[in-house]
Amino acid sequence: MVTRPRLRSFFTGLGLYVLAAALIGYFGVNAYTGDHGLRAREQMDKQIATLTGELAQATAERDTWQRRIKLLKSDSVDPDMLDERARELLDYADPHDLILMPARR
């Protein structure tokens, strides 16, 4: 009769340790794989890097277009830019011009 209370206290202690280990494991796994976990943070950092690169590219393209638009303003028309746009739009070429045609794939 003395062995049963000792056995019960042993299994009670063991059950508490197993329960505590399961809770720690659950929170540990969620800290790594959850919606706000370490893996999600890595993916977010990659996405931030990709979008930063796209932003830099779009900013550079916008600056290029703003420079070209500034050259076409009526108060300060660049003759070379005007000549280039007129030839491009009208498909004219000087006989002394060298024309490079891009290869089509």
N, C-alpha and C. Protein backbone atom coordinates (compact mmCIF):
# COMPACT_ATOMS: atom_id res chain seq x y z
N MET A 1 0.80 -1.18 0.00
CA MET A 1 0.00 0.00 0.00
C MET A 1 0.85 1.26 0.00
N VAL A 2 2.03 1.17 0.44
CA VAL A 2 2.91 2.34 0.49
C VAL A 2 3.42 2.67 -0.91
N THR A 3 3.51 1.72 -1.81
CA THR A 3 4.07 1.95 -3.13
C THR A 3 3.14 2.75 -4.04
N ARG A 4 1.86 2.64 -3.85
CA ARG A 4 0.95 3.38 -4.72
C ARG A 4 1.06 4.89 -4.58
N PRO A 5 1.06 5.46 -3.40
CA PRO A 5 1.22 6.92 -3.31
C PRO A 5 2.56 7.38 -3.88
N ARG A 6 3.62 6.58 -3.72
CA ARG A 6 4.91 6.98 -4.29
C ARG A 6 4.85 6.92 -5.82
N LEU A 7 4.19 5.90 -6.33
CA LEU A 7 4.06 5.75 -7.78
C LEU A 7 3.21 6.88 -8.37
N ARG A 8 2.13 7.22 -7.65
CA ARG A 8 1.28 8.30 -8.11
C ARG A 8 2.03 9.63 -8.09
N SER A 9 2.79 9.92 -7.08
CA SER A 9 3.54 11.18 -7.02
C SER A 9 4.62 11.21 -8.12
N PHE A 10 5.20 10.05 -8.44
CA PHE A 10 6.19 9.98 -9.51
C PHE A 10 5.53 10.33 -10.86
N PHE A 11 4.38 9.73 -11.15
CA PHE A 11 3.70 9.99 -12.42
C PHE A 11 3.13 11.40 -12.48
N THR A 12 2.73 11.94 -11.34
CA THR A 12 2.25 13.32 -11.30
C THR A 12 3.38 14.28 -11.65
N GLY A 13 4.53 14.09 -11.05
CA GLY A 13 5.70 14.92 -11.36
C GLY A 13 6.12 14.77 -12.81
N LEU A 14 6.14 13.51 -13.29
CA LEU A 14 6.51 13.24 -14.68
C LEU A 14 5.51 13.90 -15.63
N GLY A 15 4.22 13.85 -15.31
CA GLY A 15 3.19 14.48 -16.15
C GLY A 15 3.37 15.99 -16.21
N LEU A 16 3.71 16.61 -15.08
CA LEU A 16 3.93 18.05 -15.08
C LEU A 16 5.13 18.43 -15.94
N TYR A 17 6.20 17.63 -15.85
CA TYR A 17 7.38 17.90 -16.68
C TYR A 17 7.07 17.73 -18.17
N VAL A 18 6.29 16.71 -18.50
CA VAL A 18 5.91 16.49 -19.91
C VAL A 18 5.03 17.63 -20.40
N LEU A 19 4.10 18.07 -19.57
CA LEU A 19 3.23 19.18 -19.94
C LEU A 19 4.04 20.46 -20.14
N ALA A 20 4.97 20.72 -19.24
CA ALA A 20 5.81 21.91 -19.38
C ALA A 20 6.67 21.82 -20.65
N ALA A 21 7.24 20.66 -20.94
CA ALA A 21 8.06 20.48 -22.14
C ALA A 21 7.21 20.66 -23.40
N ALA A 22 5.96 20.17 -23.38
CA ALA A 22 5.08 20.32 -24.53
C ALA A 22 4.74 21.79 -24.77
N LEU A 23 4.47 22.54 -23.70
CA LEU A 23 4.18 23.97 -23.85
C LEU A 23 5.39 24.73 -24.37
N ILE A 24 6.55 24.44 -23.84
CA ILE A 24 7.77 25.10 -24.31
C ILE A 24 8.03 24.75 -25.78
N GLY A 25 7.83 23.51 -26.14
CA GLY A 25 8.00 23.09 -27.53
C GLY A 25 7.02 23.78 -28.46
N TYR A 26 5.77 23.88 -28.02
CA TYR A 26 4.74 24.53 -28.83
C TYR A 26 5.10 25.99 -29.10
N PHE A 27 5.45 26.72 -28.05
CA PHE A 27 5.80 28.12 -28.23
C PHE A 27 7.11 28.28 -29.00
N GLY A 28 8.03 27.36 -28.83
CA GLY A 28 9.28 27.41 -29.59
C GLY A 28 9.05 27.21 -31.08
N VAL A 29 8.22 26.24 -31.43
CA VAL A 29 7.91 26.00 -32.85
C VAL A 29 7.18 27.19 -33.44
N ASN A 30 6.23 27.76 -32.72
CA ASN A 30 5.52 28.93 -33.23
C ASN A 30 6.42 30.16 -33.33
N ALA A 31 7.40 30.28 -32.47
CA ALA A 31 8.33 31.41 -32.56
C ALA A 31 9.17 31.31 -33.83
N TYR A 32 9.37 30.11 -34.33
CA TYR A 32 10.17 29.93 -35.54
C TYR A 32 9.31 29.95 -36.80
N THR A 33 8.16 29.26 -36.79
CA THR A 33 7.38 29.09 -38.01
C THR A 33 6.08 29.87 -38.03
N GLY A 34 5.75 30.61 -37.02
CA GLY A 34 4.46 31.31 -36.96
C GLY A 34 4.39 32.49 -37.92
N ASP A 35 3.24 33.16 -37.92
CA ASP A 35 3.03 34.31 -38.79
C ASP A 35 3.99 35.46 -38.49
N HIS A 36 4.43 35.57 -37.27
CA HIS A 36 5.36 36.63 -36.88
C HIS A 36 6.68 36.04 -36.41
N GLY A 37 7.00 34.85 -36.85
CA GLY A 37 8.19 34.15 -36.39
C GLY A 37 9.44 34.52 -37.18
N LEU A 38 10.49 33.76 -36.92
CA LEU A 38 11.78 34.03 -37.54
C LEU A 38 11.75 33.79 -39.04
N ARG A 39 11.09 32.76 -39.48
CA ARG A 39 11.03 32.47 -40.91
C ARG A 39 10.25 33.56 -41.65
N ALA A 40 9.17 34.05 -41.05
CA ALA A 40 8.39 35.13 -41.66
C ALA A 40 9.23 36.41 -41.72
N ARG A 41 10.05 36.63 -40.72
CA ARG A 41 10.93 37.81 -40.71
C ARG A 41 11.95 37.74 -41.84
N GLU A 42 12.52 36.55 -42.08
CA GLU A 42 13.47 36.37 -43.17
C GLU A 42 12.81 36.65 -44.51
N GLN A 43 11.60 36.14 -44.71
CA GLN A 43 10.88 36.38 -45.96
C GLN A 43 10.56 37.86 -46.13
N MET A 44 10.21 38.52 -45.05
CA MET A 44 9.91 39.94 -45.11
C MET A 44 11.16 40.75 -45.44
N ASP A 45 12.32 40.36 -44.88
CA ASP A 45 13.57 41.04 -45.20
C ASP A 45 13.93 40.88 -46.67
N LYS A 46 13.70 39.68 -47.24
CA LYS A 46 13.96 39.45 -48.66
C LYS A 46 13.03 40.32 -49.51
N GLN A 47 11.78 40.39 -49.11
CA GLN A 47 10.82 41.20 -49.86
C GLN A 47 11.18 42.68 -49.78
N ILE A 48 11.65 43.13 -48.62
CA ILE A 48 12.07 44.52 -48.47
C ILE A 48 13.25 44.82 -49.39
N ALA A 49 14.21 43.90 -49.46
CA ALA A 49 15.36 44.10 -50.34
C ALA A 49 14.94 44.16 -51.80
N THR A 50 14.03 43.27 -52.21
CA THR A 50 13.56 43.26 -53.59
C THR A 50 12.83 44.55 -53.94
N LEU A 51 11.95 44.98 -53.04
CA LEU A 51 11.17 46.19 -53.30
C LEU A 51 12.05 47.44 -53.27
N THR A 52 13.09 47.43 -52.45
CA THR A 52 14.01 48.56 -52.42
C THR A 52 14.75 48.67 -53.75
N GLY A 53 15.15 47.53 -54.31
CA GLY A 53 15.80 47.53 -55.62
C GLY A 53 14.87 48.03 -56.71
N GLU A 54 13.61 47.58 -56.68
CA GLU A 54 12.63 48.05 -57.65
C GLU A 54 12.38 49.55 -57.50
N LEU A 55 12.35 50.03 -56.27
CA LEU A 55 12.15 51.46 -56.03
C LEU A 55 13.30 52.27 -56.60
N ALA A 56 14.53 51.80 -56.40
CA ALA A 56 15.69 52.50 -56.95
C ALA A 56 15.65 52.53 -58.47
N GLN A 57 15.26 51.43 -59.08
CA GLN A 57 15.16 51.37 -60.54
C GLN A 57 14.07 52.31 -61.05
N ALA A 58 12.92 52.32 -60.39
CA ALA A 58 11.82 53.20 -60.81
C ALA A 58 12.19 54.67 -60.62
N THR A 59 12.92 54.98 -59.55
CA THR A 59 13.35 56.35 -59.31
C THR A 59 14.32 56.80 -60.38
N ALA A 60 15.25 55.93 -60.76
CA ALA A 60 16.21 56.27 -61.81
C ALA A 60 15.49 56.48 -63.14
N GLU A 61 14.51 55.63 -63.44
CA GLU A 61 13.75 55.80 -64.69
C GLU A 61 12.95 57.09 -64.67
N ARG A 62 12.35 57.41 -63.54
CA ARG A 62 11.59 58.66 -63.43
C ARG A 62 12.50 59.87 -63.61
N ASP A 63 13.70 59.82 -63.02
CA ASP A 63 14.64 60.93 -63.18
C ASP A 63 15.06 61.10 -64.63
N THR A 64 15.26 59.98 -65.34
CA THR A 64 15.61 60.04 -66.76
C THR A 64 14.50 60.70 -67.56
N TRP A 65 13.27 60.29 -67.29
CA TRP A 65 12.14 60.88 -68.03
C TRP A 65 11.95 62.35 -67.68
N GLN A 66 12.16 62.71 -66.43
CA GLN A 66 12.03 64.11 -66.05
C GLN A 66 13.08 64.97 -66.74
N ARG A 67 14.30 64.43 -66.86
CA ARG A 67 15.36 65.15 -67.58
C ARG A 67 14.98 65.35 -69.05
N ARG A 68 14.45 64.31 -69.68
CA ARG A 68 14.07 64.40 -71.09
C ARG A 68 12.89 65.35 -71.27
N ILE A 69 11.94 65.33 -70.35
CA ILE A 69 10.79 66.23 -70.45
C ILE A 69 11.24 67.67 -70.27
N LYS A 70 12.18 67.89 -69.38
CA LYS A 70 12.70 69.24 -69.15
C LYS A 70 13.36 69.78 -70.41
N LEU A 71 14.01 68.90 -71.17
CA LEU A 71 14.65 69.36 -72.40
C LEU A 71 13.64 69.68 -73.49
N LEU A 72 12.44 69.14 -73.40
CA LEU A 72 11.42 69.40 -74.41
C LEU A 72 10.46 70.53 -74.04
N LYS A 73 10.65 71.17 -72.91
CA LYS A 73 9.78 72.28 -72.51
C LYS A 73 9.95 73.43 -73.51
N SER A 74 8.89 74.17 -73.70
CA SER A 74 8.91 75.22 -74.73
C SER A 74 9.84 76.38 -74.38
N ASP A 75 10.06 76.65 -73.10
CA ASP A 75 10.93 77.77 -72.73
C ASP A 75 12.41 77.45 -72.91
N SER A 76 12.79 76.19 -72.94
CA SER A 76 14.19 75.82 -73.12
C SER A 76 14.29 74.56 -73.97
N VAL A 77 14.04 74.69 -75.26
CA VAL A 77 14.06 73.55 -76.16
C VAL A 77 15.51 73.27 -76.56
N ASP A 78 15.92 72.02 -76.38
CA ASP A 78 17.24 71.59 -76.81
C ASP A 78 17.14 71.20 -78.28
N PRO A 79 17.90 71.82 -79.16
CA PRO A 79 17.77 71.52 -80.59
C PRO A 79 18.09 70.06 -80.93
N ASP A 80 19.05 69.48 -80.25
CA ASP A 80 19.37 68.08 -80.52
C ASP A 80 18.22 67.15 -80.13
N MET A 81 17.61 67.42 -79.00
CA MET A 81 16.48 66.60 -78.56
C MET A 81 15.29 66.78 -79.50
N LEU A 82 15.06 68.01 -79.94
CA LEU A 82 13.97 68.27 -80.87
C LEU A 82 14.20 67.54 -82.19
N ASP A 83 15.44 67.59 -82.68
CA ASP A 83 15.78 66.91 -83.93
C ASP A 83 15.61 65.39 -83.78
N GLU A 84 16.06 64.86 -82.65
CA GLU A 84 15.94 63.41 -82.41
C GLU A 84 14.48 62.99 -82.38
N ARG A 85 13.63 63.72 -81.68
CA ARG A 85 12.22 63.35 -81.57
C ARG A 85 11.51 63.50 -82.92
N ALA A 86 11.84 64.56 -83.67
CA ALA A 86 11.21 64.75 -84.98
C ALA A 86 11.57 63.62 -85.93
N ARG A 87 12.84 63.24 -85.95
CA ARG A 87 13.26 62.14 -86.82
C ARG A 87 12.61 60.82 -86.40
N GLU A 88 12.51 60.61 -85.10
CA GLU A 88 11.92 59.37 -84.62
C GLU A 88 10.43 59.30 -84.95
N LEU A 89 9.71 60.39 -84.73
CA LEU A 89 8.28 60.38 -84.98
C LEU A 89 7.93 60.35 -86.47
N LEU A 90 8.74 61.00 -87.30
CA LEU A 90 8.44 61.09 -88.73
C LEU A 90 9.17 60.03 -89.55
N ASP A 91 10.01 59.24 -88.92
CA ASP A 91 10.80 58.22 -89.59
C ASP A 91 11.68 58.80 -90.69
N TYR A 92 12.29 59.94 -90.40
CA TYR A 92 13.23 60.54 -91.35
C TYR A 92 14.65 60.21 -90.92
N ALA A 93 15.54 60.19 -91.91
CA ALA A 93 16.96 59.98 -91.62
C ALA A 93 17.77 60.74 -92.66
N ASP A 94 18.87 61.26 -92.22
CA ASP A 94 19.81 61.92 -93.13
C ASP A 94 20.59 60.84 -93.87
N PRO A 95 20.90 61.05 -95.14
CA PRO A 95 21.66 60.02 -95.87
C PRO A 95 23.03 59.74 -95.25
N HIS A 96 23.56 60.66 -94.48
CA HIS A 96 24.88 60.47 -93.86
C HIS A 96 24.79 59.87 -92.46
N ASP A 97 23.58 59.61 -91.98
CA ASP A 97 23.40 59.03 -90.64
C ASP A 97 23.68 57.53 -90.68
N LEU A 98 24.22 57.05 -89.58
CA LEU A 98 24.43 55.61 -89.39
C LEU A 98 23.24 55.08 -88.60
N ILE A 99 22.50 54.15 -89.18
CA ILE A 99 21.30 53.64 -88.54
C ILE A 99 21.57 52.22 -88.06
N LEU A 100 21.34 51.97 -86.79
CA LEU A 100 21.50 50.65 -86.20
C LEU A 100 20.14 50.08 -85.91
N MET A 101 19.84 48.95 -86.48
CA MET A 101 18.55 48.29 -86.27
C MET A 101 18.74 47.22 -85.20
N PRO A 102 17.92 47.21 -84.16
CA PRO A 102 18.04 46.15 -83.15
C PRO A 102 17.61 44.81 -83.71
N ALA A 103 18.32 43.77 -83.33
CA ALA A 103 17.99 42.43 -83.81
C ALA A 103 16.73 41.94 -83.10
N ARG A 104 15.82 41.37 -83.84
CA ARG A 104 14.59 40.84 -83.25
C ARG A 104 14.79 39.36 -82.96
N ARG A 105 14.25 38.94 -81.86
CA ARG A 105 14.40 37.53 -81.46
C ARG A 105 13.11 36.81 -81.59
